[in-house]
Structure formats: C-alpha cells, structure tokens
C-alpha cells in the first residue's frame, strides 16, 4: 500500500510540475491543483493510516489515529481552494486586459502574425 501511495503522489507531483511549466494560465491552475492533491495525500499518508481507529485520544482505547495530519489536510484543502479561486480570478483579469491567456502576457507567434496582417 505504501508503494501505491508513493506512486500516486509521484505521478500527481510530476503532472503538476509539467502543467506548471506550460505557457497557458489554465494549465498553470490545473498544475497547482495537482500539486495540492499530491501534498494533501502526502500529509495524510504521513499520519500512518489506521483503519477503524478513531482520531480521538481515549484512555480506554488501545488504538487511535494521529489527528494532526487530518487537521493539516483540512487546513490545506481550505487554503488550496482559496488559492485556486484567487489564481482563476487573476487569470480571468489578465485575459480581459491582455487579450490572451499566456502566463507572460505575450501573444504566441501565430497570433502576432495574424494581428500584423
């Protein structure tokens, strides 16, 4: 199970980095989202997942799950949602002002030749 989780986190991270390096803002947003998923899975798996054990410390229970990674993941989900909403609004504003969706604000080679004609 650990190898599967490691593989999933690695694939999500690789896909996120690949999409972050693209020139379009939508790809950057998707890349940030994939990286967020990878970090959330990593944090959640770092808590040593225990099936059927509550995340509450009780003297009568012999097994329990560490509640700290679960709290960290919930916080990361809220922060990533706010960050994604902010980046989407920033990309929409840049699209409206610049007329394209490139990260650097420059038009592609094909679009600049069309505007000259």
PDB file of N, CA and C in Angstrom:
ATOM      1  N   UNK A   1       0.814  -1.187   0.000  1.00  0.00           N
ATOM      2  CA  UNK A   1       0.000   0.000   0.000  1.00  0.00           C
ATOM      3  C   UNK A   1       0.865   1.260   0.000  1.00  0.00           C
ATOM      4  N   UNK A   2       2.010   1.199   0.694  1.00  0.00           N
ATOM      5  CA  UNK A   2       2.899   2.353   0.731  1.00  0.00           C
ATOM      6  C   UNK A   2       3.475   2.654  -0.642  1.00  0.00           C
ATOM      7  N   UNK A   3       3.767   1.601  -1.394  1.00  0.00           N
ATOM      8  CA  UNK A   3       4.311   1.814  -2.746  1.00  0.00           C
ATOM      9  C   UNK A   3       3.266   2.453  -3.659  1.00  0.00           C
ATOM     10  N   UNK A   4       2.019   2.053  -3.501  1.00  0.00           N
ATOM     11  CA  UNK A   4       0.945   2.638  -4.310  1.00  0.00           C
ATOM     12  C   UNK A   4       0.753   4.115  -3.969  1.00  0.00           C
ATOM     13  N   UNK A   5       0.752   4.446  -2.678  1.00  0.00           N
ATOM     14  CA  UNK A   5       0.618   5.848  -2.276  1.00  0.00           C
ATOM     15  C   UNK A   5       1.800   6.671  -2.766  1.00  0.00           C
ATOM     16  N   UNK A   6       2.992   6.114  -2.683  1.00  0.00           N
ATOM     17  CA  UNK A   6       4.178   6.827  -3.177  1.00  0.00           C
ATOM     18  C   UNK A   6       4.090   7.047  -4.674  1.00  0.00           C
ATOM     19  N   UNK A   7       3.624   6.045  -5.401  1.00  0.00           N
ATOM     20  CA  UNK A   7       3.472   6.180  -6.848  1.00  0.00           C
ATOM     21  C   UNK A   7       2.429   7.237  -7.202  1.00  0.00           C
ATOM     22  N   UNK A   8       1.318   7.251  -6.493  1.00  0.00           N
ATOM     23  CA  UNK A   8       0.268   8.234  -6.763  1.00  0.00           C
ATOM     24  C   UNK A   8       0.764   9.647  -6.470  1.00  0.00           C
ATOM     25  N   UNK A   9       1.452   9.832  -5.342  1.00  0.00           N
ATOM     26  CA  UNK A   9       1.985  11.154  -5.010  1.00  0.00           C
ATOM     27  C   UNK A   9       3.016  11.582  -6.051  1.00  0.00           C
ATOM     28  N   UNK A  10       3.861  10.667  -6.489  1.00  0.00           N
ATOM     29  CA  UNK A  10       4.863  10.985  -7.506  1.00  0.00           C
ATOM     30  C   UNK A  10       4.251  11.358  -8.842  1.00  0.00           C
ATOM     31  N   UNK A  11       3.222  10.620  -9.262  1.00  0.00           N
ATOM     32  CA  UNK A  11       2.564  10.919 -10.541  1.00  0.00           C
ATOM     33  C   UNK A  11       1.845  12.264 -10.471  1.00  0.00           C
ATOM     34  N   UNK A  12       1.161  12.531  -9.362  1.00  0.00           N
ATOM     35  CA  UNK A  12       0.489  13.822  -9.213  1.00  0.00           C
ATOM     36  C   UNK A  12       1.491  14.979  -9.197  1.00  0.00           C
ATOM     37  N   UNK A  13       2.620  14.785  -8.526  1.00  0.00           N
ATOM     38  CA  UNK A  13       3.640  15.824  -8.492  1.00  0.00           C
ATOM     39  C   UNK A  13       4.242  16.046  -9.871  1.00  0.00           C
ATOM     40  N   UNK A  14       4.555  14.977 -10.581  1.00  0.00           N
ATOM     41  CA  UNK A  14       5.126  15.110 -11.918  1.00  0.00           C
ATOM     42  C   UNK A  14       4.148  15.791 -12.877  1.00  0.00           C
ATOM     43  N   UNK A  15       2.891  15.395 -12.819  1.00  0.00           N
ATOM     44  CA  UNK A  15       1.881  16.031 -13.666  1.00  0.00           C
ATOM     45  C   UNK A  15       1.691  17.494 -13.315  1.00  0.00           C
ATOM     46  N   UNK A  16       1.717  17.813 -12.028  1.00  0.00           N
ATOM     47  CA  UNK A  16       1.574  19.192 -11.597  1.00  0.00           C
ATOM     48  C   UNK A  16       2.725  20.072 -12.040  1.00  0.00           C
ATOM     49  N   UNK A  17       3.944  19.559 -11.921  1.00  0.00           N
ATOM     50  CA  UNK A  17       5.116  20.331 -12.361  1.00  0.00           C
ATOM     51  C   UNK A  17       5.089  20.510 -13.874  1.00  0.00           C
ATOM     52  N   UNK A  18       4.722  19.465 -14.606  1.00  0.00           N
ATOM     53  CA  UNK A  18       4.633  19.581 -16.065  1.00  0.00           C
ATOM     54  C   UNK A  18       3.622  20.653 -16.472  1.00  0.00           C
ATOM     55  N   UNK A  19       2.462  20.646 -15.836  1.00  0.00           N
ATOM     56  CA  UNK A  19       1.447  21.638 -16.182  1.00  0.00           C
ATOM     57  C   UNK A  19       1.828  23.046 -15.727  1.00  0.00           C
ATOM     58  N   UNK A  20       2.577  23.159 -14.628  1.00  0.00           N
ATOM     59  CA  UNK A  20       3.035  24.471 -14.192  1.00  0.00           C
ATOM     60  C   UNK A  20       4.005  25.110 -15.184  1.00  0.00           C
ATOM     61  N   UNK A  21       4.731  24.291 -15.910  1.00  0.00           N
ATOM     62  CA  UNK A  21       5.719  24.806 -16.862  1.00  0.00           C
ATOM     63  C   UNK A  21       5.126  25.148 -18.216  1.00  0.00           C
ATOM     64  N   UNK A  22       3.830  24.973 -18.384  1.00  0.00           N
ATOM     65  CA  UNK A  22       3.164  25.317 -19.641  1.00  0.00           C
ATOM     66  C   UNK A  22       2.959  26.821 -19.713  1.00  0.00           C
ATOM     67  N   UNK A  23       2.654  27.340 -20.913  1.00  0.00           N
ATOM     68  CA  UNK A  23       2.551  28.781 -21.104  1.00  0.00           C
ATOM     69  C   UNK A  23       1.142  29.321 -20.910  1.00  0.00           C
ATOM     70  N   UNK A  24       0.161  28.471 -20.769  1.00  0.00           N
ATOM     71  CA  UNK A  24      -1.222  28.920 -20.632  1.00  0.00           C
ATOM     72  C   UNK A  24      -1.636  28.959 -19.168  1.00  0.00           C
ATOM     73  N   UNK A  25      -2.476  29.920 -18.815  1.00  0.00           N
ATOM     74  CA  UNK A  25      -2.853  30.080 -17.418  1.00  0.00           C
ATOM     75  C   UNK A  25      -3.736  28.936 -16.924  1.00  0.00           C
ATOM     76  N   UNK A  26      -4.585  28.375 -17.785  1.00  0.00           N
ATOM     77  CA  UNK A  26      -5.425  27.259 -17.355  1.00  0.00           C
ATOM     78  C   UNK A  26      -4.575  26.056 -16.976  1.00  0.00           C
ATOM     79  N   UNK A  27      -3.512  25.808 -17.727  1.00  0.00           N
ATOM     80  CA  UNK A  27      -2.607  24.709 -17.386  1.00  0.00           C
ATOM     81  C   UNK A  27      -1.907  24.957 -16.056  1.00  0.00           C
ATOM     82  N   UNK A  28      -1.570  26.200 -15.785  1.00  0.00           N
ATOM     83  CA  UNK A  28      -0.931  26.534 -14.514  1.00  0.00           C
ATOM     84  C   UNK A  28      -1.894  26.283 -13.352  1.00  0.00           C
ATOM     85  N   UNK A  29      -3.150  26.643 -13.525  1.00  0.00           N
ATOM     86  CA  UNK A  29      -4.142  26.407 -12.474  1.00  0.00           C
ATOM     87  C   UNK A  29      -4.312  24.908 -12.229  1.00  0.00           C
ATOM     88  N   UNK A  30      -4.394  24.127 -13.305  1.00  0.00           N
ATOM     89  CA  UNK A  30      -4.503  22.672 -13.139  1.00  0.00           C
ATOM     90  C   UNK A  30      -3.250  22.087 -12.487  1.00  0.00           C
ATOM     91  N   UNK A  31      -2.082  22.610 -12.841  1.00  0.00           N
ATOM     92  CA  UNK A  31      -0.838  22.149 -12.231  1.00  0.00           C
ATOM     93  C   UNK A  31      -0.799  22.430 -10.739  1.00  0.00           C
ATOM     94  N   UNK A  32      -1.235  23.629 -10.345  1.00  0.00           N
ATOM     95  CA  UNK A  32      -1.292  23.948  -8.919  1.00  0.00           C
ATOM     96  C   UNK A  32      -2.269  23.038  -8.183  1.00  0.00           C
ATOM     97  N   UNK A  33      -3.370  22.726  -8.835  1.00  0.00           N
ATOM     98  CA  UNK A  33      -4.361  21.841  -8.225  1.00  0.00           C
ATOM     99  C   UNK A  33      -3.790  20.432  -8.038  1.00  0.00           C
ATOM    100  N   UNK A  34      -3.089  19.920  -9.061  1.00  0.00           N
ATOM    101  CA  UNK A  34      -2.494  18.585  -8.931  1.00  0.00           C
ATOM    102  C   UNK A  34      -1.416  18.561  -7.848  1.00  0.00           C
ATOM    103  N   UNK A  35      -0.622  19.623  -7.760  1.00  0.00           N
ATOM    104  CA  UNK A  35       0.380  19.685  -6.695  1.00  0.00           C
ATOM    105  C   UNK A  35      -0.281  19.739  -5.320  1.00  0.00           C
ATOM    106  N   UNK A  36      -1.396  20.424  -5.225  1.00  0.00           N
ATOM    107  CA  UNK A  36      -2.123  20.483  -3.965  1.00  0.00           C
ATOM    108  C   UNK A  36      -2.629  19.101  -3.568  1.00  0.00           C
ATOM    109  N   UNK A  37      -3.168  18.357  -4.542  1.00  0.00           N
ATOM    110  CA  UNK A  37      -3.620  16.995  -4.255  1.00  0.00           C
ATOM    111  C   UNK A  37      -2.459  16.118  -3.792  1.00  0.00           C
ATOM    112  N   UNK A  38      -1.311  16.274  -4.434  1.00  0.00           N
ATOM    113  CA  UNK A  38      -0.143  15.474  -4.055  1.00  0.00           C
ATOM    114  C   UNK A  38       0.299  15.788  -2.627  1.00  0.00           C
ATOM    115  N   UNK A  39       0.325  17.059  -2.275  1.00  0.00           N
ATOM    116  CA  UNK A  39       0.725  17.443  -0.919  1.00  0.00           C
ATOM    117  C   UNK A  39      -0.292  16.948   0.102  1.00  0.00           C
ATOM    118  N   UNK A  40      -1.574  17.040  -0.224  1.00  0.00           N
ATOM    119  CA  UNK A  40      -2.604  16.555   0.705  1.00  0.00           C
ATOM    120  C   UNK A  40      -2.479  15.053   0.931  1.00  0.00           C
ATOM    121  N   UNK A  41      -2.262  14.295  -0.129  1.00  0.00           N
ATOM    122  CA  UNK A  41      -2.082  12.845   0.038  1.00  0.00           C
ATOM    123  C   UNK A  41      -0.823  12.532   0.839  1.00  0.00           C
ATOM    124  N   UNK A  42       0.239  13.290   0.596  1.00  0.00           N
ATOM    125  CA  UNK A  42       1.479  13.076   1.343  1.00  0.00           C
ATOM    126  C   UNK A  42       1.270  13.355   2.824  1.00  0.00           C
ATOM    127  N   UNK A  43       0.599  14.463   3.144  1.00  0.00           N
ATOM    128  CA  UNK A  43       0.344  14.785   4.545  1.00  0.00           C
ATOM    129  C   UNK A  43      -0.552  13.740   5.207  1.00  0.00           C
ATOM    130  N   UNK A  44      -1.562  13.309   4.468  1.00  0.00           N
ATOM    131  CA  UNK A  44      -2.485  12.329   5.025  1.00  0.00           C
ATOM    132  C   UNK A  44      -1.796  10.989   5.250  1.00  0.00           C
ATOM    133  N   UNK A  45      -0.949  10.589   4.326  1.00  0.00           N
ATOM    134  CA  UNK A  45      -0.246   9.316   4.470  1.00  0.00           C
ATOM    135  C   UNK A  45       0.844   9.376   5.529  1.00  0.00           C
ATOM    136  N   UNK A  46       1.331  10.568   5.828  1.00  0.00           N
ATOM    137  CA  UNK A  46       2.378  10.678   6.844  1.00  0.00           C
ATOM    138  C   UNK A  46       1.844  10.397   8.247  1.00  0.00           C
ATOM    139  N   UNK A  47       0.526  10.363   8.401  1.00  0.00           N
ATOM    140  CA  UNK A  47      -0.081  10.085   9.699  1.00  0.00           C
ATOM    141  C   UNK A  47      -0.271   8.620   9.988  1.00  0.00           C
ATOM    142  N   UNK A  48       0.329   7.744   9.198  1.00  0.00           N
ATOM    143  CA  UNK A  48       0.198   6.295   9.373  1.00  0.00           C
ATOM    144  C   UNK A  48      -1.274   5.905   9.453  1.00  0.00           C
ATOM    145  N   UNK A  49      -1.859   5.749   8.300  1.00  0.00           N
ATOM    146  CA  UNK A  49      -3.282   5.457   8.219  1.00  0.00           C
ATOM    147  C   UNK A  49      -3.620   4.189   8.994  1.00  0.00           C
ATOM    148  N   UNK A  50      -4.602   4.295   9.854  1.00  0.00           N
ATOM    149  CA  UNK A  50      -5.064   3.162  10.649  1.00  0.00           C
ATOM    150  C   UNK A  50      -6.542   2.974  10.361  1.00  0.00           C
ATOM    151  N   UNK A  51      -6.898   1.805   9.883  1.00  0.00           N
ATOM    152  CA  UNK A  51      -8.286   1.537   9.510  1.00  0.00           C
ATOM    153  C   UNK A  51      -9.084   1.178  10.759  1.00  0.00           C
ATOM    154  N   UNK A  52     -10.231   1.829  10.920  1.00  0.00           N
ATOM    155  CA  UNK A  52     -11.135   1.517  12.018  1.00  0.00           C
ATOM    156  C   UNK A  52     -10.742   2.104  13.359  1.00  0.00           C
ATOM    157  N   UNK A  53      -9.758   2.992  13.401  1.00  0.00           N
ATOM    158  CA  UNK A  53      -9.350   3.600  14.658  1.00  0.00           C
ATOM    159  C   UNK A  53      -9.772   5.067  14.669  1.00  0.00           C
ATOM    160  N   UNK A  54     -10.348   5.538  15.756  1.00  0.00           N
ATOM    161  CA  UNK A  54     -10.802   6.931  15.808  1.00  0.00           C
ATOM    162  C   UNK A  54      -9.624   7.894  16.019  1.00  0.00           C
ATOM    163  N   UNK A  55      -9.763   9.145  15.550  1.00  0.00           N
ATOM    164  CA  UNK A  55      -8.706  10.129  15.763  1.00  0.00           C
ATOM    165  C   UNK A  55      -8.847  10.856  17.103  1.00  0.00           C
ATOM    166  N   UNK A  56      -9.384  10.177  18.104  1.00  0.00           N
ATOM    167  CA  UNK A  56      -9.632  10.778  19.410  1.00  0.00           C
ATOM    168  C   UNK A  56      -8.835   9.995  20.451  1.00  0.00           C
ATOM    169  N   UNK A  57      -8.119  10.704  21.300  1.00  0.00           N
ATOM    170  CA  UNK A  57      -7.354  10.058  22.362  1.00  0.00           C
ATOM    171  C   UNK A  57      -8.298   9.709  23.515  1.00  0.00           C
ATOM    172  N   UNK A  58      -8.400   8.439  23.787  1.00  0.00           N
ATOM    173  CA  UNK A  58      -9.270   7.952  24.858  1.00  0.00           C
ATOM    174  C   UNK A  58      -8.491   6.908  25.651  1.00  0.00           C
ATOM    175  N   UNK A  59      -8.470   7.015  26.968  1.00  0.00           N
ATOM    176  CA  UNK A  59      -7.704   6.053  27.771  1.00  0.00           C
ATOM    177  C   UNK A  59      -8.183   4.609  27.631  1.00  0.00           C
ATOM    178  N   UNK A  60      -9.454   4.405  27.293  1.00  0.00           N
ATOM    179  CA  UNK A  60      -9.971   3.042  27.172  1.00  0.00           C
ATOM    180  C   UNK A  60      -9.595   2.387  25.847  1.00  0.00           C
ATOM    181  N   UNK A  61      -9.217   3.182  24.848  1.00  0.00           N
ATOM    182  CA  UNK A  61      -8.877   2.638  23.531  1.00  0.00           C
ATOM    183  C   UNK A  61      -7.388   2.340  23.450  1.00  0.00           C
ATOM    184  N   UNK A  62      -7.067   1.229  22.836  1.00  0.00           N
ATOM    185  CA  UNK A  62      -5.652   0.880  22.681  1.00  0.00           C
ATOM    186  C   UNK A  62      -5.090   1.383  21.355  1.00  0.00           C
ATOM    187  N   UNK A  63      -5.967   1.571  20.351  1.00  0.00           N
ATOM    188  CA  UNK A  63      -5.533   2.060  19.034  1.00  0.00           C
ATOM    189  C   UNK A  63      -6.233   3.369  18.714  1.00  0.00           C
ATOM    190  N   UNK A  64      -5.498   4.279  18.143  1.00  0.00           N
ATOM    191  CA  UNK A  64      -6.080   5.523  17.661  1.00  0.00           C
ATOM    192  C   UNK A  64      -5.200   6.056  16.532  1.00  0.00           C
ATOM    193  N   UNK A  65      -5.777   6.923  15.750  1.00  0.00           N
ATOM    194  CA  UNK A  65      -5.074   7.550  14.632  1.00  0.00           C
ATOM    195  C   UNK A  65      -4.610   8.929  15.057  1.00  0.00           C
ATOM    196  N   UNK A  66      -3.459   9.327  14.571  1.00  0.00           N
ATOM    197  CA  UNK A  66      -2.930  10.647  14.873  1.00  0.00           C
ATOM    198  C   UNK A  66      -3.824  11.707  14.228  1.00  0.00           C
ATOM    199  N   UNK A  67      -4.428  12.612  14.996  1.00  0.00           N
ATOM    200  CA  UNK A  67      -5.344  13.592  14.409  1.00  0.00           C
ATOM    201  C   UNK A  67      -4.634  14.771  13.738  1.00  0.00           C
ATOM    202  N   UNK A  68      -3.353  14.966  13.975  1.00  0.00           N
ATOM    203  CA  UNK A  68      -2.650  16.127  13.424  1.00  0.00           C
ATOM    204  C   UNK A  68      -2.599  16.123  11.892  1.00  0.00           C
ATOM    205  N   UNK A  69      -2.238  15.016  11.214  1.00  0.00           N
ATOM    206  CA  UNK A  69      -2.259  15.051   9.746  1.00  0.00           C
ATOM    207  C   UNK A  69      -3.636  15.315   9.168  1.00  0.00           C
ATOM    208  N   UNK A  70      -4.680  14.826   9.826  1.00  0.00           N
ATOM    209  CA  UNK A  70      -6.030  15.089   9.332  1.00  0.00           C
ATOM    210  C   UNK A  70      -6.367  16.572   9.452  1.00  0.00           C
ATOM    211  N   UNK A  71      -5.960  17.200  10.537  1.00  0.00           N
ATOM    212  CA  UNK A  71      -6.189  18.636  10.695  1.00  0.00           C
ATOM    213  C   UNK A  71      -5.369  19.426   9.678  1.00  0.00           C
ATOM    214  N   UNK A  72      -4.148  18.993   9.422  1.00  0.00           N
ATOM    215  CA  UNK A  72      -3.316  19.669   8.425  1.00  0.00           C
ATOM    216  C   UNK A  72      -3.910  19.561   7.029  1.00  0.00           C
ATOM    217  N   UNK A  73      -4.456  18.404   6.697  1.00  0.00           N
ATOM    218  CA  UNK A  73      -5.059  18.220   5.371  1.00  0.00           C
ATOM    219  C   UNK A  73      -6.311  19.081   5.232  1.00  0.00           C
ATOM    220  N   UNK A  74      -7.131  19.146   6.262  1.00  0.00           N
ATOM    221  CA  UNK A  74      -8.317  20.001   6.195  1.00  0.00           C
ATOM    222  C   UNK A  74      -7.930  21.462   6.018  1.00  0.00           C
ATOM    223  N   UNK A  75      -6.902  21.908   6.724  1.00  0.00           N
ATOM    224  CA  UNK A  75      -6.425  23.275   6.555  1.00  0.00           C
ATOM    225  C   UNK A  75      -5.869  23.492   5.164  1.00  0.00           C
ATOM    226  N   UNK A  76      -5.132  22.521   4.653  1.00  0.00           N
ATOM    227  CA  UNK A  76      -4.560  22.643   3.308  1.00  0.00           C
ATOM    228  C   UNK A  76      -5.650  22.676   2.237  1.00  0.00           C
ATOM    229  N   UNK A  77      -6.736  21.946   2.443  1.00  0.00           N
ATOM    230  CA  UNK A  77      -7.841  21.968   1.478  1.00  0.00           C
ATOM    231  C   UNK A  77      -8.461  23.356   1.410  1.00  0.00           C
ATOM    232  N   UNK A  78      -8.680  23.971   2.559  1.00  0.00           N
ATOM    233  CA  UNK A  78      -9.265  25.314   2.588  1.00  0.00           C
ATOM    234  C   UNK A  78      -8.329  26.323   1.947  1.00  0.00           C
ATOM    235  N   UNK A  79      -7.053  26.252   2.270  1.00  0.00           N
ATOM    236  CA  UNK A  79      -6.082  27.189   1.692  1.00  0.00           C
ATOM    237  C   UNK A  79      -5.957  26.986   0.198  1.00  0.00           C
ATOM    238  N   UNK A  80      -5.944  25.740  -0.265  1.00  0.00           N
ATOM    239  CA  UNK A  80      -5.808  25.494  -1.702  1.00  0.00           C
ATOM    240  C   UNK A  80      -7.049  25.939  -2.464  1.00  0.00           C
ATOM    241  N   UNK A  81      -8.228  25.812  -1.860  1.00  0.00           N
ATOM    242  CA  UNK A  81      -9.438  26.301  -2.516  1.00  0.00           C
ATOM    243  C   UNK A  81      -9.382  27.813  -2.680  1.00  0.00           C
ATOM    244  N   UNK A  82      -8.963  28.519  -1.639  1.00  0.00           N
ATOM    245  CA  UNK A  82      -8.846  29.974  -1.724  1.00  0.00           C
ATOM    246  C   UNK A  82      -7.776  30.378  -2.730  1.00  0.00           C
ATOM    247  N   UNK A  83      -6.656  29.672  -2.734  1.00  0.00           N
ATOM    248  CA  UNK A  83      -5.582  29.982  -3.679  1.00  0.00           C
ATOM    249  C   UNK A  83      -6.028  29.730  -5.117  1.00  0.00           C
ATOM    250  N   UNK A  84      -6.738  28.649  -5.344  1.00  0.00           N
ATOM    251  CA  UNK A  84      -7.221  28.343  -6.699  1.00  0.00           C
ATOM    252  C   UNK A  84      -8.221  29.394  -7.163  1.00  0.00           C
ATOM    253  N   UNK A  85      -9.126  29.803  -6.289  1.00  0.00           N
ATOM    254  CA  UNK A  85     -10.086  30.844  -6.657  1.00  0.00           C
ATOM    255  C   UNK A  85      -9.369  32.147  -6.981  1.00  0.00           C
ATOM    256  N   UNK A  86      -8.354  32.502  -6.206  1.00  0.00           N
ATOM    257  CA  UNK A  86      -7.594  33.726  -6.453  1.00  0.00           C
ATOM    258  C   UNK A  86      -6.850  33.654  -7.784  1.00  0.00           C
ATOM    259  N   UNK A  87      -6.216  32.535  -8.058  1.00  0.00           N
ATOM    260  CA  UNK A  87      -5.461  32.398  -9.311  1.00  0.00           C
ATOM    261  C   UNK A  87      -6.396  32.400 -10.517  1.00  0.00           C
ATOM    262  N   UNK A  88      -7.563  31.809 -10.394  1.00  0.00           N
ATOM    263  CA  UNK A  88      -8.523  31.829 -11.502  1.00  0.00           C
ATOM    264  C   UNK A  88      -8.996  33.254 -11.762  1.00  0.00           C
ATOM    265  N   UNK A  89      -9.295  33.999 -10.708  1.00  0.00           N
ATOM    266  CA  UNK A  89      -9.721  35.389 -10.897  1.00  0.00           C
ATOM    267  C   UNK A  89      -8.591  36.232 -11.476  1.00  0.00           C
ATOM    268  N   UNK A  90      -7.368  35.980 -11.047  1.00  0.00           N
ATOM    269  CA  UNK A  90      -6.211  36.688 -11.595  1.00  0.00           C
ATOM    270  C   UNK A  90      -6.030  36.363 -13.070  1.00  0.00           C
ATOM    271  N   UNK A  91      -6.219  35.111 -13.444  1.00  0.00           N
ATOM    272  CA  UNK A  91      -6.084  34.706 -14.846  1.00  0.00           C
ATOM    273  C   UNK A  91      -7.189  35.314 -15.701  1.00  0.00           C
ATOM    274  N   UNK A  92      -8.411  35.365 -15.168  1.00  0.00           N
ATOM    275  CA  UNK A  92      -9.502  35.990 -15.917  1.00  0.00           C
ATOM    276  C   UNK A  92      -9.259  37.484 -16.113  1.00  0.00           C
ATOM    277  N   UNK A  93      -8.726  38.137 -15.104  1.00  0.00           N
ATOM    278  CA  UNK A  93      -8.409  39.570 -15.222  1.00  0.00           C
ATOM    279  C   UNK A  93      -7.300  39.797 -16.246  1.00  0.00           C
ATOM    280  N   UNK A  94      -6.283  38.957 -16.223  1.00  0.00           N
ATOM    281  CA  UNK A  94      -5.198  39.082 -17.196  1.00  0.00           C
ATOM    282  C   UNK A  94      -5.704  38.807 -18.608  1.00  0.00           C
ATOM    283  N   UNK A  95      -6.593  37.848 -18.738  1.00  0.00           N
ATOM    284  CA  UNK A  95      -7.185  37.547 -20.056  1.00  0.00           C
ATOM    285  C   UNK A  95      -7.989  38.736 -20.571  1.00  0.00           C
ATOM    286  N   UNK A  96      -8.743  39.388 -19.685  1.00  0.00           N
ATOM    287  CA  UNK A  96      -9.563  40.527 -20.101  1.00  0.00           C
ATOM    288  C   UNK A  96      -8.695  41.733 -20.491  1.00  0.00           C
ATOM    289  N   UNK A  97      -7.612  41.962 -19.755  1.00  0.00           N
ATOM    290  CA  UNK A  97      -6.786  43.131 -20.038  1.00  0.00           C
ATOM    291  C   UNK A  97      -5.802  42.913 -21.181  1.00  0.00           C
ATOM    292  N   UNK A  98      -5.237  41.721 -21.278  1.00  0.00           N
ATOM    293  CA  UNK A  98      -4.198  41.471 -22.274  1.00  0.00           C
ATOM    294  C   UNK A  98      -4.732  40.854 -23.553  1.00  0.00           C
ATOM    295  N   UNK A  99      -5.875  40.220 -23.490  1.00  0.00           N
ATOM    296  CA  UNK A  99      -6.458  39.616 -24.677  1.00  0.00           C
ATOM    297  C   UNK A  99      -5.945  38.226 -24.989  1.00  0.00           C
ATOM    298  N   UNK A 100      -5.115  37.664 -24.143  1.00  0.00           N
ATOM    299  CA  UNK A 100      -4.660  36.287 -24.319  1.00  0.00           C
ATOM    300  C   UNK A 100      -4.495  35.647 -22.956  1.00  0.00           C
ATOM    301  N   UNK A 101      -4.242  34.348 -22.945  1.00  0.00           N
ATOM    302  CA  UNK A 101      -4.121  33.645 -21.672  1.00  0.00           C
ATOM    303  C   UNK A 101      -2.724  33.080 -21.439  1.00  0.00           C
ATOM    304  N   UNK A 102      -1.728  33.740 -21.991  1.00  0.00           N
ATOM    305  CA  UNK A 102      -0.358  33.322 -21.745  1.00  0.00           C
ATOM    306  C   UNK A 102       0.098  33.831 -20.381  1.00  0.00           C
ATOM    307  N   UNK A 103       0.958  33.069 -19.734  1.00  0.00           N
ATOM    308  CA  UNK A 103       1.430  33.422 -18.412  1.00  0.00           C
ATOM    309  C   UNK A 103       2.249  34.704 -18.451  1.00  0.00           C
ATOM    310  N   UNK A 104       3.076  34.866 -19.466  1.00  0.00           N
ATOM    311  CA  UNK A 104       3.931  36.054 -19.551  1.00  0.00           C
ATOM    312  C   UNK A 104       3.238  37.241 -20.207  1.00  0.00           C
ATOM    313  N   UNK A 105       2.016  37.074 -20.705  1.00  0.00           N
ATOM    314  CA  UNK A 105       1.263  38.172 -21.287  1.00  0.00           C
ATOM    315  C   UNK A 105       1.541  38.425 -22.748  1.00  0.00           C
ATOM    316  N   UNK A 106       2.477  37.689 -23.321  1.00  0.00           N
ATOM    317  CA  UNK A 106       2.797  37.872 -24.741  1.00  0.00           C
ATOM    318  C   UNK A 106       1.980  36.915 -25.580  1.00  0.00           C
ATOM    319  N   UNK A 107       1.614  37.366 -26.752  1.00  0.00           N
ATOM    320  CA  UNK A 107       0.865  36.510 -27.672  1.00  0.00           C
ATOM    321  C   UNK A 107       1.803  35.493 -28.297  1.00  0.00           C
ATOM    322  N   UNK A 108       1.249  34.372 -28.730  1.00  0.00           N
ATOM    323  CA  UNK A 108       2.049  33.352 -29.395  1.00  0.00           C
ATOM    324  C   UNK A 108       2.481  33.838 -30.775  1.00  0.00           C
ATOM    325  N   UNK A 109       3.399  33.136 -31.417  1.00  0.00           N
ATOM    326  CA  UNK A 109       3.925  33.541 -32.721  1.00  0.00           C
ATOM    327  C   UNK A 109       2.837  33.586 -33.779  1.00  0.00           C
ATOM    328  N   UNK A 110       1.898  32.643 -33.763  1.00  0.00           N
ATOM    329  CA  UNK A 110       0.814  32.606 -34.743  1.00  0.00           C
ATOM    330  C   UNK A 110      -0.153  33.765 -34.546  1.00  0.00           C
ATOM    331  N   UNK A 111      -0.408  34.124 -33.301  1.00  0.00           N
ATOM    332  CA  UNK A 111      -1.348  35.207 -33.032  1.00  0.00           C
ATOM    333  C   UNK A 111      -0.749  36.557 -33.387  1.00  0.00           C
ATOM    334  N   UNK A 112       0.568  36.727 -33.226  1.00  0.00           N
ATOM    335  CA  UNK A 112       1.183  38.016 -33.551  1.00  0.00           C
ATOM    336  C   UNK A 112       1.232  38.215 -35.055  1.00  0.00           C
ATOM    337  N   UNK A 113       1.392  37.150 -35.839  1.00  0.00           N
ATOM    338  CA  UNK A 113       1.396  37.283 -37.298  1.00  0.00           C
ATOM    339  C   UNK A 113      -0.003  37.627 -37.806  1.00  0.00           C
ATOM    340  N   UNK A 114      -1.025  37.094 -37.150  1.00  0.00           N
ATOM    341  CA  UNK A 114      -2.391  37.394 -37.561  1.00  0.00           C
ATOM    342  C   UNK A 114      -2.750  38.843 -37.267  1.00  0.00           C
ATOM    343  N   UNK A 115      -2.250  39.387 -36.161  1.00  0.00           N
ATOM    344  CA  UNK A 115      -2.585  40.755 -35.794  1.00  0.00           C
ATOM    345  C   UNK A 115      -1.858  41.753 -36.697  1.00  0.00           C
ATOM    346  N   UNK A 116      -0.695  41.372 -37.265  1.00  0.00           N
ATOM    347  CA  UNK A 116       0.029  42.258 -38.167  1.00  0.00           C
ATOM    348  C   UNK A 116      -0.647  42.335 -39.514  1.00  0.00           C
ATOM    349  N   UNK A 117      -1.345  41.295 -39.943  1.00  0.00           N
ATOM    350  CA  UNK A 117      -1.948  41.261 -41.276  1.00  0.00           C
ATOM    351  C   UNK A 117      -3.186  42.093 -41.379  1.00  0.00           C
TER     352      UNK A 117
END
